[in-house]
Amino acid sequence: NSNVFIWEITTNMKLREFTVPNVPIVTNIKVSHDNSHILFLGITKEYYQMMSMVDWTKGNKVLFTRQFLHSITSRIREIEFMPNSTLSFITAGI
């Protein structure tokens, strides 16, 4: 599991802490434009790539998790929320 901390850099205050289950390595994190959703890309203990989206304003509610079975661990290299969207995103990779 990976622990993720969200900080307010100007006050050095930790705003939120949560765990990404079954993902010991987080490779990419993106935050939606309104700061409500966080998109994670990581590697599982079995070396599969996994993507999850969390609504951290609602008690870290997991909106979806997708594990890419039989995948190259770096298949998706980049994730990004679509402009002005909190649920739509794009990925780029090999």
PDB file of N, CA and C in Angstrom:
ATOM      1  N   ASN A   1       0.834  -1.195   0.000  1.00  0.00           N
ATOM      2  CA  ASN A   1       0.000   0.000   0.000  1.00  0.00           C
ATOM      3  C   ASN A   1       0.873   1.251   0.000  1.00  0.00           C
ATOM      4  N   SER A   2       0.415   2.267  -0.649  1.00  0.00           N
ATOM      5  CA  SER A   2       1.121   3.550  -0.663  1.00  0.00           C
ATOM      6  C   SER A   2       0.339   4.564   0.155  1.00  0.00           C
ATOM      7  N   ASN A   3       1.035   5.339   0.928  1.00  0.00           N
ATOM      8  CA  ASN A   3       0.415   6.431   1.669  1.00  0.00           C
ATOM      9  C   ASN A   3       0.595   7.713   0.883  1.00  0.00           C
ATOM     10  N   VAL A   4      -0.495   8.453   0.727  1.00  0.00           N
ATOM     11  CA  VAL A   4      -0.485   9.708  -0.017  1.00  0.00           C
ATOM     12  C   VAL A   4      -0.869  10.822   0.945  1.00  0.00           C
ATOM     13  N   PHE A   5      -0.100  11.895   0.904  1.00  0.00           N
ATOM     14  CA  PHE A   5      -0.352  13.050   1.764  1.00  0.00           C
ATOM     15  C   PHE A   5      -0.622  14.265   0.886  1.00  0.00           C
ATOM     16  N   ILE A   6      -1.632  15.040   1.238  1.00  0.00           N
ATOM     17  CA  ILE A   6      -1.944  16.284   0.543  1.00  0.00           C
ATOM     18  C   ILE A   6      -1.615  17.417   1.507  1.00  0.00           C
ATOM     19  N   TRP A   7      -0.734  18.303   1.049  1.00  0.00           N
ATOM     20  CA  TRP A   7      -0.206  19.365   1.893  1.00  0.00           C
ATOM     21  C   TRP A   7      -0.621  20.739   1.385  1.00  0.00           C
ATOM     22  N   GLU A   8      -0.770  21.659   2.308  1.00  0.00           N
ATOM     23  CA  GLU A   8      -0.878  23.091   1.991  1.00  0.00           C
ATOM     24  C   GLU A   8       0.533  23.635   2.141  1.00  0.00           C
ATOM     25  N   ILE A   9       1.151  23.960   1.028  1.00  0.00           N
ATOM     26  CA  ILE A   9       2.568  24.291   1.052  1.00  0.00           C
ATOM     27  C   ILE A   9       2.875  25.614   1.770  1.00  0.00           C
ATOM     28  N   THR A  10       1.954  26.574   1.725  1.00  0.00           N
ATOM     29  CA  THR A  10       2.248  27.863   2.357  1.00  0.00           C
ATOM     30  C   THR A  10       2.224  27.786   3.881  1.00  0.00           C
ATOM     31  N   THR A  11       1.403  26.874   4.428  1.00  0.00           N
ATOM     32  CA  THR A  11       1.334  26.727   5.888  1.00  0.00           C
ATOM     33  C   THR A  11       2.033  25.472   6.382  1.00  0.00           C
ATOM     34  N   ASN A  12       2.471  24.631   5.438  1.00  0.00           N
ATOM     35  CA  ASN A  12       3.099  23.354   5.770  1.00  0.00           C
ATOM     36  C   ASN A  12       2.162  22.463   6.585  1.00  0.00           C
ATOM     37  N   MET A  13       0.860  22.576   6.307  1.00  0.00           N
ATOM     38  CA  MET A  13      -0.142  21.794   7.019  1.00  0.00           C
ATOM     39  C   MET A  13      -0.613  20.628   6.153  1.00  0.00           C
ATOM     40  N   LYS A  14      -0.679  19.450   6.754  1.00  0.00           N
ATOM     41  CA  LYS A  14      -1.184  18.281   6.047  1.00  0.00           C
ATOM     42  C   LYS A  14      -2.703  18.354   6.039  1.00  0.00           C
ATOM     43  N   LEU A  15      -3.296  18.391   4.834  1.00  0.00           N
ATOM     44  CA  LEU A  15      -4.745  18.504   4.694  1.00  0.00           C
ATOM     45  C   LEU A  15      -5.434  17.154   4.741  1.00  0.00           C
ATOM     46  N   ARG A  16      -4.804  16.150   4.150  1.00  0.00           N
ATOM     47  CA  ARG A  16      -5.441  14.845   4.061  1.00  0.00           C
ATOM     48  C   ARG A  16      -4.364  13.789   3.905  1.00  0.00           C
ATOM     49  N   GLU A  17      -4.664  12.609   4.402  1.00  0.00           N
ATOM     50  CA  GLU A  17      -3.787  11.457   4.233  1.00  0.00           C
ATOM     51  C   GLU A  17      -4.661  10.256   3.914  1.00  0.00           C
ATOM     52  N   PHE A  18      -4.266   9.483   2.929  1.00  0.00           N
ATOM     53  CA  PHE A  18      -4.995   8.257   2.645  1.00  0.00           C
ATOM     54  C   PHE A  18      -4.076   7.234   2.007  1.00  0.00           C
ATOM     55  N   THR A  19      -4.568   6.015   1.945  1.00  0.00           N
ATOM     56  CA  THR A  19      -3.791   4.888   1.445  1.00  0.00           C
ATOM     57  C   THR A  19      -4.358   4.412   0.123  1.00  0.00           C
ATOM     58  N   VAL A  20      -3.476   4.133  -0.815  1.00  0.00           N
ATOM     59  CA  VAL A  20      -3.866   3.527  -2.084  1.00  0.00           C
ATOM     60  C   VAL A  20      -3.636   2.029  -1.915  1.00  0.00           C
ATOM     61  N   PRO A  21      -4.716   1.238  -1.791  1.00  0.00           N
ATOM     62  CA  PRO A  21      -4.553  -0.186  -1.504  1.00  0.00           C
ATOM     63  C   PRO A  21      -3.948  -0.974  -2.658  1.00  0.00           C
ATOM     64  N   ASN A  22      -3.136  -1.954  -2.301  1.00  0.00           N
ATOM     65  CA  ASN A  22      -2.522  -2.905  -3.241  1.00  0.00           C
ATOM     66  C   ASN A  22      -1.620  -2.231  -4.273  1.00  0.00           C
ATOM     67  N   VAL A  23      -1.185  -1.017  -4.005  1.00  0.00           N
ATOM     68  CA  VAL A  23      -0.293  -0.311  -4.928  1.00  0.00           C
ATOM     69  C   VAL A  23       0.907   0.217  -4.136  1.00  0.00           C
ATOM     70  N   PRO A  24       1.983  -0.571  -4.049  1.00  0.00           N
ATOM     71  CA  PRO A  24       3.136  -0.103  -3.290  1.00  0.00           C
ATOM     72  C   PRO A  24       3.932   0.993  -3.998  1.00  0.00           C
ATOM     73  N   ILE A  25       3.744   1.125  -5.312  1.00  0.00           N
ATOM     74  CA  ILE A  25       4.481   2.138  -6.068  1.00  0.00           C
ATOM     75  C   ILE A  25       3.491   3.018  -6.817  1.00  0.00           C
ATOM     76  N   VAL A  26       3.415   4.296  -6.468  1.00  0.00           N
ATOM     77  CA  VAL A  26       2.597   5.263  -7.208  1.00  0.00           C
ATOM     78  C   VAL A  26       3.522   5.960  -8.190  1.00  0.00           C
ATOM     79  N   THR A  27       3.173   5.910  -9.479  1.00  0.00           N
ATOM     80  CA  THR A  27       4.040   6.477 -10.509  1.00  0.00           C
ATOM     81  C   THR A  27       3.560   7.835 -11.019  1.00  0.00           C
ATOM     82  N   ASN A  28       2.289   8.154 -10.799  1.00  0.00           N
ATOM     83  CA  ASN A  28       1.760   9.408 -11.317  1.00  0.00           C
ATOM     84  C   ASN A  28       0.517   9.788 -10.526  1.00  0.00           C
ATOM     85  N   ILE A  29       0.396  11.059 -10.204  1.00  0.00           N
ATOM     86  CA  ILE A  29      -0.779  11.593  -9.511  1.00  0.00           C
ATOM     87  C   ILE A  29      -1.192  12.878 -10.213  1.00  0.00           C
ATOM     88  N   LYS A  30      -2.482  12.999 -10.488  1.00  0.00           N
ATOM     89  CA  LYS A  30      -3.027  14.235 -11.065  1.00  0.00           C
ATOM     90  C   LYS A  30      -4.246  14.653 -10.262  1.00  0.00           C
ATOM     91  N   VAL A  31      -4.441  15.955 -10.130  1.00  0.00           N
ATOM     92  CA  VAL A  31      -5.564  16.518  -9.380  1.00  0.00           C
ATOM     93  C   VAL A  31      -6.463  17.259 -10.363  1.00  0.00           C
ATOM     94  N   SER A  32      -7.774  17.078 -10.216  1.00  0.00           N
ATOM     95  CA  SER A  32      -8.720  17.769 -11.097  1.00  0.00           C
ATOM     96  C   SER A  32      -8.672  19.276 -10.853  1.00  0.00           C
ATOM     97  N   HIS A  33      -9.177  20.029 -11.809  1.00  0.00           N
ATOM     98  CA  HIS A  33      -9.090  21.496 -11.746  1.00  0.00           C
ATOM     99  C   HIS A  33      -9.787  22.082 -10.528  1.00  0.00           C
ATOM    100  N   ASP A  34     -10.798  21.409  -9.987  1.00  0.00           N
ATOM    101  CA  ASP A  34     -11.497  21.930  -8.809  1.00  0.00           C
ATOM    102  C   ASP A  34     -10.997  21.291  -7.507  1.00  0.00           C
ATOM    103  N   ASN A  35      -9.910  20.527  -7.600  1.00  0.00           N
ATOM    104  CA  ASN A  35      -9.269  19.899  -6.442  1.00  0.00           C
ATOM    105  C   ASN A  35     -10.139  18.880  -5.726  1.00  0.00           C
ATOM    106  N   SER A  36     -11.121  18.307  -6.403  1.00  0.00           N
ATOM    107  CA  SER A  36     -11.997  17.347  -5.733  1.00  0.00           C
ATOM    108  C   SER A  36     -11.616  15.896  -6.017  1.00  0.00           C
ATOM    109  N   HIS A  37     -11.038  15.626  -7.173  1.00  0.00           N
ATOM    110  CA  HIS A  37     -10.705  14.258  -7.553  1.00  0.00           C
ATOM    111  C   HIS A  37      -9.210  14.117  -7.791  1.00  0.00           C
ATOM    112  N   ILE A  38      -8.712  12.948  -7.428  1.00  0.00           N
ATOM    113  CA  ILE A  38      -7.301  12.631  -7.641  1.00  0.00           C
ATOM    114  C   ILE A  38      -7.224  11.343  -8.446  1.00  0.00           C
ATOM    115  N   LEU A  39      -6.413  11.368  -9.476  1.00  0.00           N
ATOM    116  CA  LEU A  39      -6.214  10.222 -10.348  1.00  0.00           C
ATOM    117  C   LEU A  39      -4.823   9.662 -10.074  1.00  0.00           C
ATOM    118  N   PHE A  40      -4.756   8.359  -9.792  1.00  0.00           N
ATOM    119  CA  PHE A  40      -3.503   7.702  -9.465  1.00  0.00           C
ATOM    120  C   PHE A  40      -3.156   6.680 -10.531  1.00  0.00           C
ATOM    121  N   LEU A  41      -1.900   6.563 -10.809  1.00  0.00           N
ATOM    122  CA  LEU A  41      -1.369   5.506 -11.653  1.00  0.00           C
ATOM    123  C   LEU A  41      -0.250   4.855 -10.858  1.00  0.00           C
ATOM    124  N   GLY A  42      -0.271   3.532 -10.769  1.00  0.00           N
ATOM    125  CA  GLY A  42       0.748   2.857  -9.976  1.00  0.00           C
ATOM    126  C   GLY A  42       0.983   1.430 -10.417  1.00  0.00           C
ATOM    127  N   ILE A  43       1.865   0.761  -9.687  1.00  0.00           N
ATOM    128  CA  ILE A  43       2.248  -0.615  -9.954  1.00  0.00           C
ATOM    129  C   ILE A  43       1.854  -1.448  -8.738  1.00  0.00           C
ATOM    130  N   THR A  44       1.150  -2.566  -8.985  1.00  0.00           N
ATOM    131  CA  THR A  44       0.720  -3.447  -7.900  1.00  0.00           C
ATOM    132  C   THR A  44       1.871  -4.336  -7.438  1.00  0.00           C
ATOM    133  N   LYS A  45       1.628  -5.077  -6.363  1.00  0.00           N
ATOM    134  CA  LYS A  45       2.624  -6.017  -5.857  1.00  0.00           C
ATOM    135  C   LYS A  45       2.920  -7.110  -6.876  1.00  0.00           C
ATOM    136  N   GLU A  46       1.965  -7.384  -7.747  1.00  0.00           N
ATOM    137  CA  GLU A  46       2.136  -8.393  -8.787  1.00  0.00           C
ATOM    138  C   GLU A  46       2.733  -7.802 -10.069  1.00  0.00           C
ATOM    139  N   TYR A  47       3.115  -6.528 -10.027  1.00  0.00           N
ATOM    140  CA  TYR A  47       3.737  -5.810 -11.142  1.00  0.00           C
ATOM    141  C   TYR A  47       2.784  -5.560 -12.311  1.00  0.00           C
ATOM    142  N   TYR A  48       1.510  -5.370 -11.999  1.00  0.00           N
ATOM    143  CA  TYR A  48       0.546  -4.920 -12.993  1.00  0.00           C
ATOM    144  C   TYR A  48       0.331  -3.428 -12.808  1.00  0.00           C
ATOM    145  N   GLN A  49      -0.012  -2.761 -13.873  1.00  0.00           N
ATOM    146  CA  GLN A  49      -0.318  -1.342 -13.765  1.00  0.00           C
ATOM    147  C   GLN A  49      -1.762  -1.175 -13.299  1.00  0.00           C
ATOM    148  N   MET A  50      -1.993  -0.193 -12.432  1.00  0.00           N
ATOM    149  CA  MET A  50      -3.324   0.051 -11.903  1.00  0.00           C
ATOM    150  C   MET A  50      -3.608   1.548 -11.915  1.00  0.00           C
ATOM    151  N   MET A  51      -4.865   1.883 -12.209  1.00  0.00           N
ATOM    152  CA  MET A  51      -5.305   3.269 -12.191  1.00  0.00           C
ATOM    153  C   MET A  51      -6.510   3.379 -11.265  1.00  0.00           C
ATOM    154  N   SER A  52      -6.536   4.422 -10.453  1.00  0.00           N
ATOM    155  CA  SER A  52      -7.663   4.654  -9.543  1.00  0.00           C
ATOM    156  C   SER A  52      -7.996   6.132  -9.523  1.00  0.00           C
ATOM    157  N   MET A  53      -9.275   6.421  -9.279  1.00  0.00           N
ATOM    158  CA  MET A  53      -9.706   7.800  -9.071  1.00  0.00           C
ATOM    159  C   MET A  53     -10.397   7.876  -7.722  1.00  0.00           C
ATOM    160  N   VAL A  54     -10.034   8.897  -6.952  1.00  0.00           N
ATOM    161  CA  VAL A  54     -10.557   9.077  -5.603  1.00  0.00           C
ATOM    162  C   VAL A  54     -11.178  10.462  -5.489  1.00  0.00           C
ATOM    163  N   ASP A  55     -12.339  10.536  -4.849  1.00  0.00           N
ATOM    164  CA  ASP A  55     -12.937  11.820  -4.484  1.00  0.00           C
ATOM    165  C   ASP A  55     -12.507  12.086  -3.045  1.00  0.00           C
ATOM    166  N   TRP A  56     -11.476  12.869  -2.870  1.00  0.00           N
ATOM    167  CA  TRP A  56     -10.922  13.056  -1.528  1.00  0.00           C
ATOM    168  C   TRP A  56     -11.725  14.053  -0.699  1.00  0.00           C
ATOM    169  N   THR A  57     -12.682  14.755  -1.319  1.00  0.00           N
ATOM    170  CA  THR A  57     -13.535  15.663  -0.542  1.00  0.00           C
ATOM    171  C   THR A  57     -14.678  14.916   0.132  1.00  0.00           C
ATOM    172  N   LYS A  58     -14.906  13.657  -0.276  1.00  0.00           N
ATOM    173  CA  LYS A  58     -15.987  12.848   0.296  1.00  0.00           C
ATOM    174  C   LYS A  58     -15.422  11.632   1.009  1.00  0.00           C
ATOM    175  N   GLY A  59     -14.474  11.877   1.882  1.00  0.00           N
ATOM    176  CA  GLY A  59     -13.916  10.800   2.689  1.00  0.00           C
ATOM    177  C   GLY A  59     -13.113   9.795   1.905  1.00  0.00           C
ATOM    178  N   ASN A  60     -12.406  10.241   0.882  1.00  0.00           N
ATOM    179  CA  ASN A  60     -11.550   9.368   0.074  1.00  0.00           C
ATOM    180  C   ASN A  60     -12.326   8.266  -0.628  1.00  0.00           C
ATOM    181  N   LYS A  61     -13.494   8.597  -1.108  1.00  0.00           N
ATOM    182  CA  LYS A  61     -14.331   7.626  -1.818  1.00  0.00           C
ATOM    183  C   LYS A  61     -13.670   7.235  -3.139  1.00  0.00           C
ATOM    184  N   VAL A  62     -13.454   5.941  -3.326  1.00  0.00           N
ATOM    185  CA  VAL A  62     -12.866   5.441  -4.567  1.00  0.00           C
ATOM    186  C   VAL A  62     -13.961   5.404  -5.630  1.00  0.00           C
ATOM    187  N   LEU A  63     -13.775   6.148  -6.709  1.00  0.00           N
ATOM    188  CA  LEU A  63     -14.754   6.205  -7.783  1.00  0.00           C
ATOM    189  C   LEU A  63     -14.576   5.060  -8.772  1.00  0.00           C
ATOM    190  N   PHE A  64     -13.344   4.671  -9.035  1.00  0.00           N
ATOM    191  CA  PHE A  64     -13.092   3.490  -9.856  1.00  0.00           C
ATOM    192  C   PHE A  64     -11.650   3.043  -9.658  1.00  0.00           C
ATOM    193  N   THR A  65     -11.421   1.787  -9.920  1.00  0.00           N
ATOM    194  CA  THR A  65     -10.084   1.208  -9.950  1.00  0.00           C
ATOM    195  C   THR A  65     -10.026   0.277 -11.141  1.00  0.00           C
ATOM    196  N   ARG A  66      -8.958   0.381 -11.890  1.00  0.00           N
ATOM    197  CA  ARG A  66      -8.781  -0.469 -13.067  1.00  0.00           C
ATOM    198  C   ARG A  66      -7.382  -1.053 -13.033  1.00  0.00           C
ATOM    199  N   GLN A  67      -7.306  -2.362 -13.002  1.00  0.00           N
ATOM    200  CA  GLN A  67      -6.021  -3.047 -13.058  1.00  0.00           C
ATOM    201  C   GLN A  67      -5.839  -3.590 -14.459  1.00  0.00           C
ATOM    202  N   PHE A  68      -4.690  -3.326 -15.048  1.00  0.00           N
ATOM    203  CA  PHE A  68      -4.399  -3.755 -16.401  1.00  0.00           C
ATOM    204  C   PHE A  68      -3.641  -5.074 -16.337  1.00  0.00           C
ATOM    205  N   LEU A  69      -4.365  -6.176 -16.471  1.00  0.00           N
ATOM    206  CA  LEU A  69      -3.754  -7.499 -16.403  1.00  0.00           C
ATOM    207  C   LEU A  69      -2.854  -7.743 -17.604  1.00  0.00           C
ATOM    208  N   HIS A  70      -1.793  -8.458 -17.355  1.00  0.00           N
ATOM    209  CA  HIS A  70      -0.840  -8.825 -18.403  1.00  0.00           C
ATOM    210  C   HIS A  70      -0.297  -7.585 -19.110  1.00  0.00           C
ATOM    211  N   SER A  71      -0.062  -6.544 -18.362  1.00  0.00           N
ATOM    212  CA  SER A  71       0.397  -5.301 -18.970  1.00  0.00           C
ATOM    213  C   SER A  71       1.879  -5.070 -18.690  1.00  0.00           C
ATOM    214  N   ILE A  72       2.467  -4.307 -19.546  1.00  0.00           N
ATOM    215  CA  ILE A  72       3.803  -3.789 -19.283  1.00  0.00           C
ATOM    216  C   ILE A  72       3.628  -2.775 -18.162  1.00  0.00           C
ATOM    217  N   THR A  73       4.517  -2.787 -17.193  1.00  0.00           N
ATOM    218  CA  THR A  73       4.312  -1.938 -16.011  1.00  0.00           C
ATOM    219  C   THR A  73       4.311  -0.451 -16.334  1.00  0.00           C
ATOM    220  N   SER A  74       4.877  -0.070 -17.441  1.00  0.00           N
ATOM    221  CA  SER A  74       4.869   1.358 -17.791  1.00  0.00           C
ATOM    222  C   SER A  74       4.063   1.606 -19.065  1.00  0.00           C
ATOM    223  N   ARG A  75       3.035   0.810 -19.262  1.00  0.00           N
ATOM    224  CA  ARG A  75       2.220   0.920 -20.477  1.00  0.00           C
ATOM    225  C   ARG A  75       1.615   2.319 -20.621  1.00  0.00           C
ATOM    226  N   ILE A  76       1.000   2.818 -19.569  1.00  0.00           N
ATOM    227  CA  ILE A  76       0.475   4.187 -19.566  1.00  0.00           C
ATOM    228  C   ILE A  76       1.525   5.064 -18.890  1.00  0.00           C
ATOM    229  N   ARG A  77       1.994   6.044 -19.601  1.00  0.00           N
ATOM    230  CA  ARG A  77       3.066   6.893 -19.083  1.00  0.00           C
ATOM    231  C   ARG A  77       2.552   8.211 -18.502  1.00  0.00           C
ATOM    232  N   GLU A  78       1.428   8.693 -19.018  1.00  0.00           N
ATOM    233  CA  GLU A  78       0.933  10.006 -18.592  1.00  0.00           C
ATOM    234  C   GLU A  78      -0.578   9.967 -18.486  1.00  0.00           C
ATOM    235  N   ILE A  79      -1.089  10.639 -17.471  1.00  0.00           N
ATOM    236  CA  ILE A  79      -2.526  10.811 -17.290  1.00  0.00           C
ATOM    237  C   ILE A  79      -2.798  12.294 -17.079  1.00  0.00           C
ATOM    238  N   GLU A  80      -3.949  12.745 -17.532  1.00  0.00           N
ATOM    239  CA  GLU A  80      -4.291  14.161 -17.377  1.00  0.00           C
ATOM    240  C   GLU A  80      -5.802  14.312 -17.426  1.00  0.00           C
ATOM    241  N   PHE A  81      -6.335  15.127 -16.524  1.00  0.00           N
ATOM    242  CA  PHE A  81      -7.761  15.444 -16.571  1.00  0.00           C
ATOM    243  C   PHE A  81      -8.041  16.311 -17.791  1.00  0.00           C
ATOM    244  N   MET A  82      -9.205  16.101 -18.399  1.00  0.00           N
ATOM    245  CA  MET A  82      -9.633  16.951 -19.496  1.00  0.00           C
ATOM    246  C   MET A  82      -9.898  18.354 -18.936  1.00  0.00           C
ATOM    247  N   PRO A  83      -9.721  19.395 -19.733  1.00  0.00           N
ATOM    248  CA  PRO A  83      -9.963  20.757 -19.244  1.00  0.00           C
ATOM    249  C   PRO A  83     -11.377  20.911 -18.682  1.00  0.00           C
ATOM    250  N   ASN A  84     -11.473  21.520 -17.537  1.00  0.00           N
ATOM    251  CA  ASN A  84     -12.736  21.806 -16.858  1.00  0.00           C
ATOM    252  C   ASN A  84     -13.557  20.560 -16.545  1.00  0.00           C
ATOM    253  N   SER A  85     -12.904  19.425 -16.378  1.00  0.00           N
ATOM    254  CA  SER A  85     -13.607  18.189 -16.061  1.00  0.00           C
ATOM    255  C   SER A  85     -13.054  17.595 -14.772  1.00  0.00           C
ATOM    256  N   THR A  86     -13.951  16.972 -14.028  1.00  0.00           N
ATOM    257  CA  THR A  86     -13.523  16.286 -12.814  1.00  0.00           C
ATOM    258  C   THR A  86     -13.576  14.778 -12.956  1.00  0.00           C
ATOM    259  N   LEU A  87     -14.211  14.284 -14.014  1.00  0.00           N
ATOM    260  CA  LEU A  87     -14.333  12.848 -14.197  1.00  0.00           C
ATOM    261  C   LEU A  87     -13.745  12.331 -15.507  1.00  0.00           C
ATOM    262  N   SER A  88     -13.527  13.179 -16.479  1.00  0.00           N
ATOM    263  CA  SER A  88     -12.979  12.736 -17.761  1.00  0.00           C
ATOM    264  C   SER A  88     -11.478  12.984 -17.793  1.00  0.00           C
ATOM    265  N   PHE A  89     -10.752  12.014 -18.341  1.00  0.00           N
ATOM    266  CA  PHE A  89      -9.301  12.154 -18.407  1.00  0.00           C
ATOM    267  C   PHE A  89      -8.788  11.445 -19.646  1.00  0.00           C
ATOM    268  N   ILE A  90      -7.542  11.721 -19.979  1.00  0.00           N
ATOM    269  CA  ILE A  90      -6.894  11.063 -21.109  1.00  0.00           C
ATOM    270  C   ILE A  90      -5.614  10.399 -20.617  1.00  0.00           C
ATOM    271  N   THR A  91      -5.177   9.401 -21.358  1.00  0.00           N
ATOM    272  CA  THR A  91      -3.928   8.719 -21.040  1.00  0.00           C
ATOM    273  C   THR A  91      -3.062   8.673 -22.288  1.00  0.00           C
ATOM    274  N   ALA A  92      -1.768   8.561 -22.080  1.00  0.00           N
ATOM    275  CA  ALA A  92      -0.820   8.418 -23.184  1.00  0.00           C
ATOM    276  C   ALA A  92       0.208   7.379 -22.782  1.00  0.00           C
ATOM    277  N   GLY A  93       0.607   6.576 -23.730  1.00  0.00           N
ATOM    278  CA  GLY A  93       1.611   5.561 -23.430  1.00  0.00           C
ATOM    279  C   GLY A  93       1.937   4.727 -24.635  1.00  0.00           C
ATOM    280  N   ILE A  94       2.384   3.511 -24.340  1.00  0.00           N
ATOM    281  CA  ILE A  94       2.783   2.608 -25.433  1.00  0.00           C
ATOM    282  C   ILE A  94       1.777   1.500 -25.582  1.00  0.00           C
TER     283      ILE A  94
END
